[in-house]
Amino acid sequence: MLSLMLACGMFSRLVSGVICDRIGGVRTLLLGSALQGVGADAVSAV
């Protein structure tokens, strides 16, 4: 389970870097924050 978490963390950092290169750092942070809010809302609704 730990190795899966480490792999997902690496993958998310790579994807975040690609997105940051394309749309910029501040927009990437705003997008990540918005997606975290949507995810938290989805989890709390269950």
PDB file of N, CA and C in Angstrom:
ATOM      1  N   MET A   1       0.821  -1.188   0.000  1.00  0.00           N
ATOM      2  CA  MET A   1       0.000   0.000   0.000  1.00  0.00           C
ATOM      3  C   MET A   1       0.870   1.259   0.000  1.00  0.00           C
ATOM      4  N   LEU A   2       1.944   1.229   0.734  1.00  0.00           N
ATOM      5  CA  LEU A   2       2.841   2.371   0.768  1.00  0.00           C
ATOM      6  C   LEU A   2       3.455   2.637  -0.596  1.00  0.00           C
ATOM      7  N   SER A   3       3.845   1.582  -1.297  1.00  0.00           N
ATOM      8  CA  SER A   3       4.441   1.770  -2.623  1.00  0.00           C
ATOM      9  C   SER A   3       3.423   2.354  -3.599  1.00  0.00           C
ATOM     10  N   LEU A   4       2.159   1.976  -3.452  1.00  0.00           N
ATOM     11  CA  LEU A   4       1.109   2.541  -4.306  1.00  0.00           C
ATOM     12  C   LEU A   4       0.949   4.028  -4.020  1.00  0.00           C
ATOM     13  N   MET A   5       0.972   4.410  -2.760  1.00  0.00           N
ATOM     14  CA  MET A   5       0.865   5.824  -2.400  1.00  0.00           C
ATOM     15  C   MET A   5       2.053   6.624  -2.937  1.00  0.00           C
ATOM     16  N   LEU A   6       3.253   6.052  -2.847  1.00  0.00           N
ATOM     17  CA  LEU A   6       4.440   6.735  -3.358  1.00  0.00           C
ATOM     18  C   LEU A   6       4.360   6.897  -4.879  1.00  0.00           C
ATOM     19  N   ALA A   7       3.882   5.857  -5.573  1.00  0.00           N
ATOM     20  CA  ALA A   7       3.762   5.929  -7.023  1.00  0.00           C
ATOM     21  C   ALA A   7       2.734   6.975  -7.431  1.00  0.00           C
ATOM     22  N   CYS A   8       1.608   7.013  -6.739  1.00  0.00           N
ATOM     23  CA  CYS A   8       0.579   8.015  -7.047  1.00  0.00           C
ATOM     24  C   CYS A   8       1.088   9.430  -6.763  1.00  0.00           C
ATOM     25  N   GLY A   9       1.854   9.586  -5.709  1.00  0.00           N
ATOM     26  CA  GLY A   9       2.430  10.892  -5.392  1.00  0.00           C
ATOM     27  C   GLY A   9       3.402  11.356  -6.461  1.00  0.00           C
ATOM     28  N   MET A  10       4.232  10.446  -6.944  1.00  0.00           N
ATOM     29  CA  MET A  10       5.167  10.783  -8.015  1.00  0.00           C
ATOM     30  C   MET A  10       4.414  11.168  -9.283  1.00  0.00           C
ATOM     31  N   PHE A  11       3.410  10.370  -9.619  1.00  0.00           N
ATOM     32  CA  PHE A  11       2.616  10.640 -10.820  1.00  0.00           C
ATOM     33  C   PHE A  11       1.918  11.991 -10.725  1.00  0.00           C
ATOM     34  N   SER A  12       1.353  12.294  -9.567  1.00  0.00           N
ATOM     35  CA  SER A  12       0.643  13.561  -9.421  1.00  0.00           C
ATOM     36  C   SER A  12       1.590  14.748  -9.514  1.00  0.00           C
ATOM     37  N   ARG A  13       2.800  14.601  -9.018  1.00  0.00           N
ATOM     38  CA  ARG A  13       3.781  15.694  -9.131  1.00  0.00           C
ATOM     39  C   ARG A  13       4.195  15.914 -10.581  1.00  0.00           C
ATOM     40  N   LEU A  14       4.363  14.830 -11.327  1.00  0.00           N
ATOM     41  CA  LEU A  14       4.707  14.968 -12.740  1.00  0.00           C
ATOM     42  C   LEU A  14       3.586  15.639 -13.518  1.00  0.00           C
ATOM     43  N   VAL A  15       2.360  15.204 -13.273  1.00  0.00           N
ATOM     44  CA  VAL A  15       1.215  15.799 -13.964  1.00  0.00           C
ATOM     45  C   VAL A  15       1.062  17.269 -13.564  1.00  0.00           C
ATOM     46  N   SER A  16       1.240  17.559 -12.299  1.00  0.00           N
ATOM     47  CA  SER A  16       1.145  18.940 -11.837  1.00  0.00           C
ATOM     48  C   SER A  16       2.208  19.816 -12.496  1.00  0.00           C
ATOM     49  N   GLY A  17       3.400  19.285 -12.672  1.00  0.00           N
ATOM     50  CA  GLY A  17       4.466  20.032 -13.341  1.00  0.00           C
ATOM     51  C   GLY A  17       4.150  20.313 -14.795  1.00  0.00           C
ATOM     52  N   VAL A  18       3.581  19.333 -15.477  1.00  0.00           N
ATOM     53  CA  VAL A  18       3.199  19.534 -16.882  1.00  0.00           C
ATOM     54  C   VAL A  18       2.114  20.590 -16.987  1.00  0.00           C
ATOM     55  N   ILE A  19       1.116  20.511 -16.098  1.00  0.00           N
ATOM     56  CA  ILE A  19       0.036  21.498 -16.103  1.00  0.00           C
ATOM     57  C   ILE A  19       0.596  22.885 -15.784  1.00  0.00           C
ATOM     58  N   CYS A  20       1.512  22.949 -14.841  1.00  0.00           N
ATOM     59  CA  CYS A  20       2.119  24.224 -14.457  1.00  0.00           C
ATOM     60  C   CYS A  20       2.885  24.838 -15.621  1.00  0.00           C
ATOM     61  N   ASP A  21       3.578  24.010 -16.381  1.00  0.00           N
ATOM     62  CA  ASP A  21       4.307  24.513 -17.543  1.00  0.00           C
ATOM     63  C   ASP A  21       3.359  25.063 -18.604  1.00  0.00           C
ATOM     64  N   ARG A  22       2.178  24.479 -18.708  1.00  0.00           N
ATOM     65  CA  ARG A  22       1.242  24.888 -19.757  1.00  0.00           C
ATOM     66  C   ARG A  22       0.391  26.091 -19.369  1.00  0.00           C
ATOM     67  N   ILE A  23      -0.137  26.123 -18.139  1.00  0.00           N
ATOM     68  CA  ILE A  23      -1.072  27.208 -17.792  1.00  0.00           C
ATOM     69  C   ILE A  23      -0.516  28.175 -16.746  1.00  0.00           C
ATOM     70  N   GLY A  24       0.631  27.884 -16.173  1.00  0.00           N
ATOM     71  CA  GLY A  24       1.224  28.797 -15.200  1.00  0.00           C
ATOM     72  C   GLY A  24       1.036  28.319 -13.769  1.00  0.00           C
ATOM     73  N   GLY A  25       1.862  28.830 -12.890  1.00  0.00           N
ATOM     74  CA  GLY A  25       1.890  28.377 -11.501  1.00  0.00           C
ATOM     75  C   GLY A  25       0.664  28.746 -10.692  1.00  0.00           C
ATOM     76  N   VAL A  26       0.237  30.007 -10.791  1.00  0.00           N
ATOM     77  CA  VAL A  26      -0.903  30.458  -9.983  1.00  0.00           C
ATOM     78  C   VAL A  26      -2.176  29.753 -10.425  1.00  0.00           C
ATOM     79  N   ARG A  27      -2.362  29.622 -11.736  1.00  0.00           N
ATOM     80  CA  ARG A  27      -3.555  28.933 -12.235  1.00  0.00           C
ATOM     81  C   ARG A  27      -3.551  27.464 -11.826  1.00  0.00           C
ATOM     82  N   THR A  28      -2.369  26.860 -11.794  1.00  0.00           N
ATOM     83  CA  THR A  28      -2.280  25.464 -11.360  1.00  0.00           C
ATOM     84  C   THR A  28      -2.670  25.333  -9.898  1.00  0.00           C
ATOM     85  N   LEU A  29      -2.223  26.253  -9.057  1.00  0.00           N
ATOM     86  CA  LEU A  29      -2.597  26.232  -7.646  1.00  0.00           C
ATOM     87  C   LEU A  29      -4.102  26.428  -7.464  1.00  0.00           C
ATOM     88  N   LEU A  30      -4.686  27.353  -8.227  1.00  0.00           N
ATOM     89  CA  LEU A  30      -6.126  27.575  -8.141  1.00  0.00           C
ATOM     90  C   LEU A  30      -6.902  26.346  -8.610  1.00  0.00           C
ATOM     91  N   LEU A  31      -6.439  25.724  -9.692  1.00  0.00           N
ATOM     92  CA  LEU A  31      -7.100  24.519 -10.194  1.00  0.00           C
ATOM     93  C   LEU A  31      -7.009  23.393  -9.169  1.00  0.00           C
ATOM     94  N   GLY A  32      -5.827  23.200  -8.576  1.00  0.00           N
ATOM     95  CA  GLY A  32      -5.655  22.165  -7.562  1.00  0.00           C
ATOM     96  C   GLY A  32      -6.521  22.404  -6.341  1.00  0.00           C
ATOM     97  N   SER A  33      -6.614  23.652  -5.911  1.00  0.00           N
ATOM     98  CA  SER A  33      -7.450  23.978  -4.755  1.00  0.00           C
ATOM     99  C   SER A  33      -8.923  23.726  -5.057  1.00  0.00           C
ATOM    100  N   ALA A  34      -9.350  24.105  -6.258  1.00  0.00           N
ATOM    101  CA  ALA A  34     -10.746  23.883  -6.633  1.00  0.00           C
ATOM    102  C   ALA A  34     -11.057  22.386  -6.696  1.00  0.00           C
ATOM    103  N   LEU A  35     -10.147  21.600  -7.255  1.00  0.00           N
ATOM    104  CA  LEU A  35     -10.371  20.158  -7.343  1.00  0.00           C
ATOM    105  C   LEU A  35     -10.374  19.502  -5.966  1.00  0.00           C
ATOM    106  N   GLN A  36      -9.544  19.993  -5.049  1.00  0.00           N
ATOM    107  CA  GLN A  36      -9.560  19.471  -3.685  1.00  0.00           C
ATOM    108  C   GLN A  36     -10.885  19.787  -3.009  1.00  0.00           C
ATOM    109  N   GLY A  37     -11.408  20.990  -3.257  1.00  0.00           N
ATOM    110  CA  GLY A  37     -12.711  21.351  -2.684  1.00  0.00           C
ATOM    111  C   GLY A  37     -13.828  20.477  -3.220  1.00  0.00           C
ATOM    112  N   VAL A  38     -13.797  20.204  -4.526  1.00  0.00           N
ATOM    113  CA  VAL A  38     -14.808  19.323  -5.134  1.00  0.00           C
ATOM    114  C   VAL A  38     -14.696  17.920  -4.555  1.00  0.00           C
ATOM    115  N   GLY A  39     -13.466  17.436  -4.407  1.00  0.00           N
ATOM    116  CA  GLY A  39     -13.264  16.099  -3.843  1.00  0.00           C
ATOM    117  C   GLY A  39     -13.717  16.014  -2.396  1.00  0.00           C
ATOM    118  N   ALA A  40     -13.431  17.032  -1.621  1.00  0.00           N
ATOM    119  CA  ALA A  40     -13.848  17.031  -0.216  1.00  0.00           C
ATOM    120  C   ALA A  40     -15.369  17.093  -0.105  1.00  0.00           C
ATOM    121  N   ASP A  41     -15.978  17.875  -0.988  1.00  0.00           N
ATOM    122  CA  ASP A  41     -17.433  17.970  -0.992  1.00  0.00           C
ATOM    123  C   ASP A  41     -18.064  16.631  -1.386  1.00  0.00           C
ATOM    124  N   ALA A  42     -17.457  15.958  -2.355  1.00  0.00           N
ATOM    125  CA  ALA A  42     -17.977  14.650  -2.790  1.00  0.00           C
ATOM    126  C   ALA A  42     -17.866  13.616  -1.682  1.00  0.00           C
ATOM    127  N   VAL A  43     -16.764  13.653  -0.941  1.00  0.00           N
ATOM    128  CA  VAL A  43     -16.570  12.689   0.148  1.00  0.00           C
ATOM    129  C   VAL A  43     -17.528  12.980   1.290  1.00  0.00           C
ATOM    130  N   SER A  44     -17.736  14.248   1.599  1.00  0.00           N
ATOM    131  CA  SER A  44     -18.629  14.583   2.714  1.00  0.00           C
ATOM    132  C   SER A  44     -20.094  14.317   2.374  1.00  0.00           C
ATOM    133  N   ALA A  45     -20.444  14.260   1.095  1.00  0.00           N
ATOM    134  CA  ALA A  45     -21.820  14.010   0.690  1.00  0.00           C
ATOM    135  C   ALA A  45     -22.178  12.519   0.814  1.00  0.00           C
ATOM    136  N   VAL A  46     -21.152  11.689   0.905  1.00  0.00           N
ATOM    137  CA  VAL A  46     -21.406  10.233   0.976  1.00  0.00           C
ATOM    138  C   VAL A  46     -21.687   9.842   2.351  1.00  0.00           C
TER     139      VAL A  46
END
